[in-house]
Amino acid sequence: MHSDQTEVRSHRPKHTAERIQSLLGKLMLVAVAVLAVGMIYGIVTTGSATPSWMH
């Protein structure tokens, strides 16, 4: 055995569960960003943070 020789392994394809898990994290970030933008837009356009049905 020689320690200077390295074995190159091919990159194994990701399993479906791993793909869904990484996609789910990204989708959650996008959802939070969209909700935050919508909330800020609602506050700016109405002038108050209280929904109309709570007045």
PDB file of N, CA and C in Angstrom:
ATOM      1  N   MET A   1       0.827  -1.187   0.000  1.00  0.00           N
ATOM      2  CA  MET A   1       0.000   0.000   0.000  1.00  0.00           C
ATOM      3  C   MET A   1       0.868   1.247   0.000  1.00  0.00           C
ATOM      4  N   HIS A   2       0.521   2.120  -0.894  1.00  0.00           N
ATOM      5  CA  HIS A   2       1.229   3.393  -0.952  1.00  0.00           C
ATOM      6  C   HIS A   2       0.282   4.493  -0.501  1.00  0.00           C
ATOM      7  N   SER A   3       0.768   5.345   0.381  1.00  0.00           N
ATOM      8  CA  SER A   3      -0.091   6.402   0.909  1.00  0.00           C
ATOM      9  C   SER A   3      -0.198   7.589  -0.052  1.00  0.00           C
ATOM     10  N   ASP A   4       0.701   7.660  -1.047  1.00  0.00           N
ATOM     11  CA  ASP A   4       0.643   8.800  -1.968  1.00  0.00           C
ATOM     12  C   ASP A   4      -0.395   8.605  -3.067  1.00  0.00           C
ATOM     13  N   GLN A   5      -0.958   7.427  -3.190  1.00  0.00           N
ATOM     14  CA  GLN A   5      -1.995   7.199  -4.186  1.00  0.00           C
ATOM     15  C   GLN A   5      -3.359   7.425  -3.547  1.00  0.00           C
ATOM     16  N   THR A   6      -4.158   8.252  -4.203  1.00  0.00           N
ATOM     17  CA  THR A   6      -5.497   8.514  -3.670  1.00  0.00           C
ATOM     18  C   THR A   6      -6.530   7.876  -4.578  1.00  0.00           C
ATOM     19  N   GLU A   7      -7.543   7.347  -3.965  1.00  0.00           N
ATOM     20  CA  GLU A   7      -8.619   6.717  -4.720  1.00  0.00           C
ATOM     21  C   GLU A   7      -9.704   7.752  -4.976  1.00  0.00           C
ATOM     22  N   VAL A   8     -10.057   7.925  -6.223  1.00  0.00           N
ATOM     23  CA  VAL A   8     -11.071   8.904  -6.595  1.00  0.00           C
ATOM     24  C   VAL A   8     -12.397   8.177  -6.738  1.00  0.00           C
ATOM     25  N   ARG A   9     -13.372   8.606  -5.943  1.00  0.00           N
ATOM     26  CA  ARG A   9     -14.700   8.004  -6.018  1.00  0.00           C
ATOM     27  C   ARG A   9     -15.612   8.906  -6.833  1.00  0.00           C
ATOM     28  N   SER A  10     -16.473   8.296  -7.590  1.00  0.00           N
ATOM     29  CA  SER A  10     -17.427   9.086  -8.345  1.00  0.00           C
ATOM     30  C   SER A  10     -18.490   9.613  -7.399  1.00  0.00           C
ATOM     31  N   HIS A  11     -19.015  10.781  -7.708  1.00  0.00           N
ATOM     32  CA  HIS A  11     -20.037  11.392  -6.866  1.00  0.00           C
ATOM     33  C   HIS A  11     -21.330  10.601  -6.993  1.00  0.00           C
ATOM     34  N   ARG A  12     -21.830  10.118  -5.877  1.00  0.00           N
ATOM     35  CA  ARG A  12     -23.053   9.328  -5.937  1.00  0.00           C
ATOM     36  C   ARG A  12     -24.257  10.250  -6.085  1.00  0.00           C
ATOM     37  N   PRO A  13     -25.237   9.844  -6.839  1.00  0.00           N
ATOM     38  CA  PRO A  13     -26.416  10.689  -7.013  1.00  0.00           C
ATOM     39  C   PRO A  13     -27.205  10.801  -5.710  1.00  0.00           C
ATOM     40  N   LYS A  14     -27.812  11.959  -5.507  1.00  0.00           N
ATOM     41  CA  LYS A  14     -28.601  12.165  -4.290  1.00  0.00           C
ATOM     42  C   LYS A  14     -29.885  11.354  -4.362  1.00  0.00           C
ATOM     43  N   HIS A  15     -30.301  10.875  -3.222  1.00  0.00           N
ATOM     44  CA  HIS A  15     -31.567  10.169  -3.146  1.00  0.00           C
ATOM     45  C   HIS A  15     -32.711  11.163  -3.203  1.00  0.00           C
ATOM     46  N   THR A  16     -33.890  10.696  -3.545  1.00  0.00           N
ATOM     47  CA  THR A  16     -35.053  11.561  -3.673  1.00  0.00           C
ATOM     48  C   THR A  16     -35.355  12.265  -2.360  1.00  0.00           C
ATOM     49  N   ALA A  17     -35.219  11.575  -1.246  1.00  0.00           N
ATOM     50  CA  ALA A  17     -35.502  12.181   0.058  1.00  0.00           C
ATOM     51  C   ALA A  17     -34.549  13.345   0.339  1.00  0.00           C
ATOM     52  N   GLU A  18     -33.290  13.202  -0.040  1.00  0.00           N
ATOM     53  CA  GLU A  18     -32.325  14.277   0.177  1.00  0.00           C
ATOM     54  C   GLU A  18     -32.656  15.480  -0.696  1.00  0.00           C
ATOM     55  N   ARG A  19     -33.095  15.229  -1.931  1.00  0.00           N
ATOM     56  CA  ARG A  19     -33.478  16.327  -2.814  1.00  0.00           C
ATOM     57  C   ARG A  19     -34.677  17.079  -2.253  1.00  0.00           C
ATOM     58  N   ILE A  20     -35.679  16.325  -1.790  1.00  0.00           N
ATOM     59  CA  ILE A  20     -36.877  16.952  -1.236  1.00  0.00           C
ATOM     60  C   ILE A  20     -36.527  17.750   0.007  1.00  0.00           C
ATOM     61  N   GLN A  21     -35.651  17.221   0.822  1.00  0.00           N
ATOM     62  CA  GLN A  21     -35.273  17.897   2.057  1.00  0.00           C
ATOM     63  C   GLN A  21     -34.572  19.222   1.761  1.00  0.00           C
ATOM     64  N   SER A  22     -33.667  19.247   0.810  1.00  0.00           N
ATOM     65  CA  SER A  22     -32.979  20.492   0.492  1.00  0.00           C
ATOM     66  C   SER A  22     -33.931  21.471  -0.196  1.00  0.00           C
ATOM     67  N   LEU A  23     -34.835  20.953  -1.019  1.00  0.00           N
ATOM     68  CA  LEU A  23     -35.808  21.817  -1.683  1.00  0.00           C
ATOM     69  C   LEU A  23     -36.798  22.392  -0.685  1.00  0.00           C
ATOM     70  N   LEU A  24     -37.177  21.604   0.304  1.00  0.00           N
ATOM     71  CA  LEU A  24     -38.131  22.060   1.306  1.00  0.00           C
ATOM     72  C   LEU A  24     -37.562  23.218   2.121  1.00  0.00           C
ATOM     73  N   GLY A  25     -36.307  23.148   2.461  1.00  0.00           N
ATOM     74  CA  GLY A  25     -35.661  24.245   3.189  1.00  0.00           C
ATOM     75  C   GLY A  25     -35.674  25.534   2.395  1.00  0.00           C
ATOM     76  N   LYS A  26     -35.389  25.425   1.107  1.00  0.00           N
ATOM     77  CA  LYS A  26     -35.384  26.615   0.246  1.00  0.00           C
ATOM     78  C   LYS A  26     -36.791  27.171   0.083  1.00  0.00           C
ATOM     79  N   LEU A  27     -37.777  26.276  -0.060  1.00  0.00           N
ATOM     80  CA  LEU A  27     -39.167  26.725  -0.189  1.00  0.00           C
ATOM     81  C   LEU A  27     -39.649  27.422   1.072  1.00  0.00           C
ATOM     82  N   MET A  28     -39.226  26.951   2.227  1.00  0.00           N
ATOM     83  CA  MET A  28     -39.623  27.593   3.475  1.00  0.00           C
ATOM     84  C   MET A  28     -39.031  28.994   3.573  1.00  0.00           C
ATOM     85  N   LEU A  29     -37.796  29.163   3.153  1.00  0.00           N
ATOM     86  CA  LEU A  29     -37.191  30.494   3.159  1.00  0.00           C
ATOM     87  C   LEU A  29     -37.928  31.440   2.221  1.00  0.00           C
ATOM     88  N   VAL A  30     -38.292  30.952   1.041  1.00  0.00           N
ATOM     89  CA  VAL A  30     -39.028  31.768   0.080  1.00  0.00           C
ATOM     90  C   VAL A  30     -40.396  32.143   0.644  1.00  0.00           C
ATOM     91  N   ALA A  31     -41.075  31.197   1.289  1.00  0.00           N
ATOM     92  CA  ALA A  31     -42.393  31.460   1.863  1.00  0.00           C
ATOM     93  C   ALA A  31     -42.314  32.526   2.951  1.00  0.00           C
ATOM     94  N   VAL A  32     -41.319  32.450   3.816  1.00  0.00           N
ATOM     95  CA  VAL A  32     -41.157  33.438   4.879  1.00  0.00           C
ATOM     96  C   VAL A  32     -40.875  34.811   4.279  1.00  0.00           C
ATOM     97  N   ALA A  33     -40.031  34.869   3.251  1.00  0.00           N
ATOM     98  CA  ALA A  33     -39.720  36.145   2.613  1.00  0.00           C
ATOM     99  C   ALA A  33     -40.959  36.751   1.963  1.00  0.00           C
ATOM    100  N   VAL A  34     -41.760  35.928   1.290  1.00  0.00           N
ATOM    101  CA  VAL A  34     -42.977  36.420   0.626  1.00  0.00           C
ATOM    102  C   VAL A  34     -43.971  36.934   1.666  1.00  0.00           C
ATOM    103  N   LEU A  35     -44.143  36.202   2.756  1.00  0.00           N
ATOM    104  CA  LEU A  35     -45.054  36.650   3.804  1.00  0.00           C
ATOM    105  C   LEU A  35     -44.579  37.954   4.449  1.00  0.00           C
ATOM    106  N   ALA A  36     -43.285  38.086   4.657  1.00  0.00           N
ATOM    107  CA  ALA A  36     -42.744  39.317   5.246  1.00  0.00           C
ATOM    108  C   ALA A  36     -42.966  40.503   4.322  1.00  0.00           C
ATOM    109  N   VAL A  37     -42.723  40.315   3.041  1.00  0.00           N
ATOM    110  CA  VAL A  37     -42.937  41.396   2.077  1.00  0.00           C
ATOM    111  C   VAL A  37     -44.421  41.764   2.025  1.00  0.00           C
ATOM    112  N   GLY A  38     -45.300  40.772   2.041  1.00  0.00           N
ATOM    113  CA  GLY A  38     -46.735  41.038   2.037  1.00  0.00           C
ATOM    114  C   GLY A  38     -47.179  41.789   3.275  1.00  0.00           C
ATOM    115  N   MET A  39     -46.625  41.431   4.420  1.00  0.00           N
ATOM    116  CA  MET A  39     -46.987  42.119   5.656  1.00  0.00           C
ATOM    117  C   MET A  39     -46.515  43.568   5.634  1.00  0.00           C
ATOM    118  N   ILE A  40     -45.298  43.792   5.183  1.00  0.00           N
ATOM    119  CA  ILE A  40     -44.772  45.156   5.094  1.00  0.00           C
ATOM    120  C   ILE A  40     -45.584  45.976   4.097  1.00  0.00           C
ATOM    121  N   TYR A  41     -45.948  45.379   2.971  1.00  0.00           N
ATOM    122  CA  TYR A  41     -46.770  46.064   1.977  1.00  0.00           C
ATOM    123  C   TYR A  41     -48.129  46.437   2.564  1.00  0.00           C
ATOM    124  N   GLY A  42     -48.734  45.521   3.306  1.00  0.00           N
ATOM    125  CA  GLY A  42     -50.026  45.802   3.931  1.00  0.00           C
ATOM    126  C   GLY A  42     -49.941  46.915   4.953  1.00  0.00           C
ATOM    127  N   ILE A  43     -48.893  46.931   5.745  1.00  0.00           N
ATOM    128  CA  ILE A  43     -48.727  47.989   6.743  1.00  0.00           C
ATOM    129  C   ILE A  43     -48.515  49.342   6.067  1.00  0.00           C
ATOM    130  N   VAL A  44     -47.722  49.355   5.009  1.00  0.00           N
ATOM    131  CA  VAL A  44     -47.420  50.613   4.322  1.00  0.00           C
ATOM    132  C   VAL A  44     -48.662  51.155   3.627  1.00  0.00           C
ATOM    133  N   THR A  45     -49.435  50.309   2.973  1.00  0.00           N
ATOM    134  CA  THR A  45     -50.586  50.797   2.207  1.00  0.00           C
ATOM    135  C   THR A  45     -51.766  51.182   3.095  1.00  0.00           C
ATOM    136  N   THR A  46     -51.954  50.520   4.238  1.00  0.00           N
ATOM    137  CA  THR A  46     -53.099  50.843   5.093  1.00  0.00           C
ATOM    138  C   THR A  46     -52.753  51.834   6.188  1.00  0.00           C
ATOM    139  N   GLY A  47     -51.503  51.939   6.541  1.00  0.00           N
ATOM    140  CA  GLY A  47     -51.089  52.892   7.582  1.00  0.00           C
ATOM    141  C   GLY A  47     -51.163  52.320   8.986  1.00  0.00           C
ATOM    142  N   SER A  48     -51.648  51.088   9.156  1.00  0.00           N
ATOM    143  CA  SER A  48     -51.662  50.474  10.486  1.00  0.00           C
ATOM    144  C   SER A  48     -51.425  48.969  10.352  1.00  0.00           C
ATOM    145  N   ALA A  49     -50.967  48.386  11.424  1.00  0.00           N
ATOM    146  CA  ALA A  49     -50.685  46.949  11.411  1.00  0.00           C
ATOM    147  C   ALA A  49     -51.892  46.130  11.809  1.00  0.00           C
ATOM    148  N   THR A  50     -52.981  46.792  12.225  1.00  0.00           N
ATOM    149  CA  THR A  50     -54.197  46.067  12.649  1.00  0.00           C
ATOM    150  C   THR A  50     -55.052  45.733  11.429  1.00  0.00           C
ATOM    151  N   PRO A  51     -55.410  44.464  11.251  1.00  0.00           N
ATOM    152  CA  PRO A  51     -56.270  44.095  10.127  1.00  0.00           C
ATOM    153  C   PRO A  51     -57.637  44.779  10.219  1.00  0.00           C
ATOM    154  N   SER A  52     -58.280  44.966   9.092  1.00  0.00           N
ATOM    155  CA  SER A  52     -59.558  45.685   9.059  1.00  0.00           C
ATOM    156  C   SER A  52     -60.649  44.942   9.830  1.00  0.00           C
ATOM    157  N   TRP A  53     -60.603  43.615   9.884  1.00  0.00           N
ATOM    158  CA  TRP A  53     -61.637  42.872  10.576  1.00  0.00           C
ATOM    159  C   TRP A  53     -61.509  42.946  12.097  1.00  0.00           C
ATOM    160  N   MET A  54     -60.387  43.506  12.584  1.00  0.00           N
ATOM    161  CA  MET A  54     -60.195  43.638  14.032  1.00  0.00           C
ATOM    162  C   MET A  54     -60.580  45.031  14.531  1.00  0.00           C
ATOM    163  N   HIS A  55     -60.917  45.959  13.640  1.00  0.00           N
ATOM    164  CA  HIS A  55     -61.285  47.318  14.057  1.00  0.00           C
ATOM    165  C   HIS A  55     -62.631  47.341  14.715  1.00  0.00           C
TER     166      HIS A  55
END
